[in-house]
C-alpha atoms as a PDB file:
ATOM      1  CA  MET A   1      47.030  33.006-110.599  1.00  0.00           C
ATOM      2  CA  PRO A   2      50.382  32.733-112.114  1.00  0.00           C
ATOM      3  CA  PRO A   3      53.020  29.985-110.448  1.00  0.00           C
ATOM      4  CA  ILE A   4      55.564  30.856-108.297  1.00  0.00           C
ATOM      5  CA  ASP A   5      57.703  30.474-111.058  1.00  0.00           C
ATOM      6  CA  GLU A   6      56.295  32.964-113.014  1.00  0.00           C
ATOM      7  CA  VAL A   7      56.544  35.387-109.919  1.00  0.00           C
ATOM      8  CA  LEU A   8      60.319  35.178-109.730  1.00  0.00           C
ATOM      9  CA  PRO A   9      62.873  37.851-110.475  1.00  0.00           C
ATOM     10  CA  PRO A  10      64.653  36.522-113.744  1.00  0.00           C
ATOM     11  CA  TYR A  11      67.943  38.428-112.775  1.00  0.00           C
ATOM     12  CA  ASP A  12      71.050  36.586-114.156  1.00  0.00           C
ATOM     13  CA  GLY A  13      72.467  35.741-110.046  1.00  0.00           C
ATOM     14  CA  PRO A  14      73.640  37.227-107.269  1.00  0.00           C
ATOM     15  CA  ARG A  15      75.562  40.225-110.075  1.00  0.00           C
ATOM     16  CA  GLY A  16      71.733  40.613-111.479  1.00  0.00           C
ATOM     17  CA  ILE A  17      70.390  41.612-107.878  1.00  0.00           C
ATOM     18  CA  LEU A  18      72.847  43.683-106.670  1.00  0.00           C
ATOM     19  CA  HIS A  19      72.301  45.608-109.281  1.00  0.00           C
ATOM     20  CA  ALA A  20      68.698  45.702-110.325  1.00  0.00           C
ATOM     21  CA  ASP A  21      65.846  47.997-108.902  1.00  0.00           C
ATOM     22  CA  ARG A  22      65.027  47.664-105.368  1.00  0.00           C
ATOM     23  CA  HIS A  23      61.210  48.263-106.118  1.00  0.00           C
ATOM     24  CA  ASP A  24      61.050  45.394-108.887  1.00  0.00           C
ATOM     25  CA  VAL A  25      62.751  43.150-106.446  1.00  0.00           C
ATOM     26  CA  ALA A  26      60.576  43.850-103.558  1.00  0.00           C
ATOM     27  CA  ALA A  27      57.619  43.499-105.727  1.00  0.00           C
ATOM     28  CA  ARG A  28      58.634  39.720-107.170  1.00  0.00           C
ATOM     29  CA  LEU A  29      59.695  38.787-103.144  1.00  0.00           C
ATOM     30  CA  PHE A  30      56.836  39.770-102.127  1.00  0.00           C
ATOM     31  CA  VAL A  31      54.038  37.787-104.536  1.00  0.00           C
ATOM     32  CA  ALA A  32      56.674  35.147-104.557  1.00  0.00           C
ATOM     33  CA  THR A  33      57.034  34.960-100.699  1.00  0.00           C
ATOM     34  CA  PHE A  34      53.796  35.003 -99.551  1.00  0.00           C
ATOM     35  CA  LEU A  35      51.152  34.056-102.444  1.00  0.00           C
ATOM     36  CA  ARG A  36      50.148  30.769-100.485  1.00  0.00           C
ATOM     37  CA  GLN A  37      50.565  32.285 -96.717  1.00  0.00           C
ATOM     38  CA  LYS A  38      50.002  34.792 -94.311  1.00  0.00           C
ATOM     39  CA  THR A  39      52.821  35.056 -92.054  1.00  0.00           C
ATOM     40  CA  SER A  40      56.766  34.077 -92.707  1.00  0.00           C
ATOM     41  CA  SER A  41      59.694  33.920 -90.987  1.00  0.00           C
ATOM     42  CA  LEU A  42      62.631  35.758 -93.227  1.00  0.00           C
ATOM     43  CA  PRO A  43      65.793  35.999 -91.444  1.00  0.00           C
ATOM     44  CA  ARG A  44      67.900  35.776 -94.849  1.00  0.00           C
ATOM     45  CA  VAL A  45      65.445  38.632 -96.329  1.00  0.00           C
ATOM     46  CA  ASP A  46      67.173  42.032 -97.230  1.00  0.00           C
ATOM     47  CA  PHE A  47      66.002  44.461 -94.298  1.00  0.00           C
ATOM     48  CA  GLU A  48      65.978  47.237 -97.689  1.00  0.00           C
ATOM     49  CA  ILE A  49      62.900  45.159 -99.107  1.00  0.00           C
ATOM     50  CA  VAL A  50      61.310  44.679 -95.731  1.00  0.00           C
ATOM     51  CA  GLY A  51      61.524  48.653 -95.316  1.00  0.00           C
ATOM     52  CA  LEU A  52      59.613  48.864 -99.075  1.00  0.00           C
ATOM     53  CA  TRP A  53      56.862  46.927 -98.144  1.00  0.00           C
ATOM     54  CA  GLU A  54      56.484  48.221 -94.760  1.00  0.00           C
ATOM     55  CA  ARG A  55      56.607  51.845 -96.808  1.00  0.00           C
ATOM     56  CA  ALA A  56      54.392  50.936 -99.122  1.00  0.00           C
ATOM     57  CA  SER A  57      51.626  49.428 -96.439  1.00  0.00           C
ATOM     58  CA  ILE A  58      51.457  46.304 -97.402  1.00  0.00           C
ATOM     59  CA  ALA A  59      53.593  43.547 -94.566  1.00  0.00           C
ATOM     60  CA  ALA A  60      55.270  44.536 -91.799  1.00  0.00           C
ATOM     61  CA  ARG A  61      58.156  43.220 -89.336  1.00  0.00           C
ATOM     62  CA  TYR A  62      56.338  41.249 -86.292  1.00  0.00           C
ATOM     63  CA  GLY A  63      59.542  40.029 -83.469  1.00  0.00           C
ATOM     64  CA  ASP A  64      61.154  37.940 -86.125  1.00  0.00           C
ATOM     65  CA  LYS A  65      58.313  37.528 -88.578  1.00  0.00           C
ATOM     66  CA  VAL A  66      56.654  39.540 -91.812  1.00  0.00           C
ATOM     67  CA  VAL A  67      53.046  39.305 -91.331  1.00  0.00           C
ATOM     68  CA  VAL A  68      50.794  40.978 -94.922  1.00  0.00           C
ATOM     69  CA  LEU A  69      49.121  43.808 -94.319  1.00  0.00           C
ATOM     70  CA  GLU A  70      45.268  44.510 -95.349  1.00  0.00           C
ATOM     71  CA  PRO A  71      46.361  46.178 -98.710  1.00  0.00           C
ATOM     72  CA  GLY A  72      48.989  43.497 -99.253  1.00  0.00           C
ATOM     73  CA  MET A  73      46.641  41.017 -98.389  1.00  0.00           C
ATOM     74  CA  ARG A  74      43.913  42.543-101.474  1.00  0.00           C
ATOM     75  CA  ILE A  75      47.353  42.572-103.829  1.00  0.00           C
ATOM     76  CA  LEU A  76      47.643  38.861-103.184  1.00  0.00           C
ATOM     77  CA  VAL A  77      43.778  37.475-103.673  1.00  0.00           C
ATOM     78  CA  SER A  78      43.901  39.943-106.577  1.00  0.00           C
ATOM     79  CA  SER A  79      44.009  38.701-110.242  1.00  0.00           C
ATOM     80  CA  GLU A  80      46.758  39.715-111.393  1.00  0.00           C
ATOM     81  CA  PRO A  81      49.467  39.989-108.310  1.00  0.00           C
ATOM     82  CA  SER A  82      52.587  40.886-109.583  1.00  0.00           C
ATOM     83  CA  ALA A  83      50.876  43.594-111.700  1.00  0.00           C
ATOM     84  CA  ALA A  84      49.374  44.801-107.964  1.00  0.00           C
ATOM     85  CA  ALA A  85      52.759  44.651-106.399  1.00  0.00           C
ATOM     86  CA  ASP A  86      54.372  46.540-109.255  1.00  0.00           C
ATOM     87  CA  ARG A  87      51.712  49.249-108.680  1.00  0.00           C
ATOM     88  CA  ALA A  88      52.282  49.298-104.967  1.00  0.00           C
ATOM     89  CA  MET A  89      55.450  49.675-105.290  1.00  0.00           C
ATOM     90  CA  ALA A  90      55.283  51.795-107.881  1.00  0.00           C
ATOM     91  CA  ARG A  91      53.776  54.240-104.826  1.00  0.00           C
ATOM     92  CA  VAL A  92      56.590  54.011-103.006  1.00  0.00           C
ATOM     93  CA  GLY A  93      59.246  57.557-103.424  1.00  0.00           C
ATOM     94  CA  PRO A  94      62.749  57.140-102.885  1.00  0.00           C
ATOM     95  CA  ALA A  95      64.005  56.314 -99.663  1.00  0.00           C
ATOM     96  CA  ALA A  96      64.977  59.408 -97.878  1.00  0.00           C
END
Protein backbone atom coordinates (compact mmCIF):
# COMPACT_ATOMS: atom_id res chain seq x y z
CA MET A 1 0.00 0.00 0.00
CA PRO A 2 1.26 3.50 -0.73
CA PRO A 3 2.25 5.78 2.13
CA ILE A 4 -0.45 8.25 3.19
CA ASP A 5 1.59 11.10 1.67
CA GLU A 6 1.10 9.55 -1.77
CA VAL A 7 -2.70 9.53 -1.53
CA LEU A 8 -3.23 13.06 -0.25
CA PRO A 9 -4.60 15.42 -2.89
CA PRO A 10 -1.88 17.44 -4.64
CA TYR A 11 -3.95 20.62 -4.62
CA ASP A 12 -2.48 24.06 -4.15
CA GLY A 13 -4.11 25.22 -0.93
CA PRO A 14 -7.79 25.87 -0.19
CA ARG A 15 -8.44 27.50 -3.57
CA GLY A 16 -7.12 24.41 -5.36
CA ILE A 17 -9.41 22.16 -3.34
CA LEU A 18 -12.37 24.47 -3.95
CA HIS A 19 -11.92 24.17 -7.71
CA ALA A 20 -10.92 20.49 -7.76
CA ASP A 21 -13.05 17.70 -9.13
CA ARG A 22 -15.24 16.56 -6.20
CA HIS A 23 -15.05 12.89 -7.20
CA ASP A 24 -11.25 13.05 -7.26
CA VAL A 25 -11.15 14.73 -3.85
CA ALA A 26 -13.62 12.15 -2.48
CA ALA A 27 -11.58 9.20 -3.78
CA ARG A 28 -8.29 10.52 -2.42
CA LEU A 29 -9.78 11.55 0.92
CA PHE A 30 -11.45 8.15 1.35
CA VAL A 31 -8.14 6.32 0.99
CA ALA A 32 -6.20 8.84 3.09
CA THR A 33 -8.80 8.73 5.87
CA PHE A 34 -9.57 5.03 6.11
CA LEU A 35 -6.44 3.23 4.94
CA ARG A 36 -5.46 2.36 8.52
CA GLN A 37 -8.80 2.41 10.34
CA LYS A 38 -12.37 1.21 9.88
CA THR A 39 -14.28 3.99 11.66
CA SER A 40 -13.57 7.65 12.03
CA SER A 41 -15.25 10.72 13.48
CA LEU A 42 -15.18 13.24 10.69
CA PRO A 43 -16.77 16.45 11.96
CA ARG A 44 -14.78 18.60 9.48
CA VAL A 45 -15.25 16.59 6.31
CA ASP A 46 -17.45 18.27 3.75
CA PHE A 47 -20.90 16.66 3.79
CA GLU A 48 -20.79 16.61 0.00
CA ILE A 49 -17.76 14.29 0.16
CA VAL A 50 -19.49 11.93 2.60
CA GLY A 51 -22.55 12.01 0.34
CA LEU A 52 -20.39 10.93 -2.59
CA TRP A 53 -19.00 8.07 -0.50
CA GLU A 54 -22.57 7.04 0.34
CA ARG A 55 -23.66 7.19 -3.30
CA ALA A 56 -20.66 5.00 -4.21
CA SER A 57 -21.70 2.59 -1.40
CA ILE A 58 -18.20 2.66 0.12
CA ALA A 59 -19.01 4.43 3.40
CA ALA A 60 -22.02 5.66 5.35
CA ARG A 61 -22.87 7.99 8.21
CA TYR A 62 -23.62 6.27 11.51
CA GLY A 63 -24.40 8.85 14.19
CA ASP A 64 -21.35 11.11 14.48
CA LYS A 65 -19.14 8.55 12.73
CA VAL A 66 -18.51 7.55 9.16
CA VAL A 67 -18.11 3.82 8.72
CA VAL A 68 -16.58 1.93 5.84
CA LEU A 69 -18.96 -0.45 4.08
CA GLU A 70 -17.94 -3.79 2.52
CA PRO A 71 -17.19 -2.33 -0.94
CA GLY A 72 -15.04 0.30 0.76
CA MET A 73 -13.12 -2.37 2.66
CA ARG A 74 -12.40 -4.14 -0.63
CA ILE A 75 -10.94 -0.86 -1.91
CA LEU A 76 -8.73 -0.46 1.15
CA VAL A 77 -7.31 -4.00 1.01
CA SER A 78 -6.73 -3.95 -2.74
CA SER A 79 -3.22 -3.80 -4.13
CA GLU A 80 -3.91 -0.29 -5.44
CA PRO A 81 -6.40 1.46 -3.13
CA SER A 82 -6.10 4.84 -4.84
CA ALA A 83 -6.95 3.41 -8.25
CA ALA A 84 -9.79 1.33 -6.79
CA ALA A 85 -11.24 4.40 -5.06
CA ASP A 86 -10.98 6.36 -8.31
CA ARG A 87 -12.94 3.62 -10.11
CA ALA A 88 -15.63 3.58 -7.40
CA MET A 89 -16.05 7.34 -7.59
CA ALA A 90 -16.13 7.25 -11.40
CA ARG A 91 -19.27 5.07 -11.19
CA VAL A 92 -21.06 7.82 -9.22
CA GLY A 93 -22.88 10.14 -11.57
CA PRO A 94 -23.35 13.86 -11.05
CA ALA A 95 -25.65 14.98 -8.24
CA ALA A 96 -29.31 15.06 -9.19
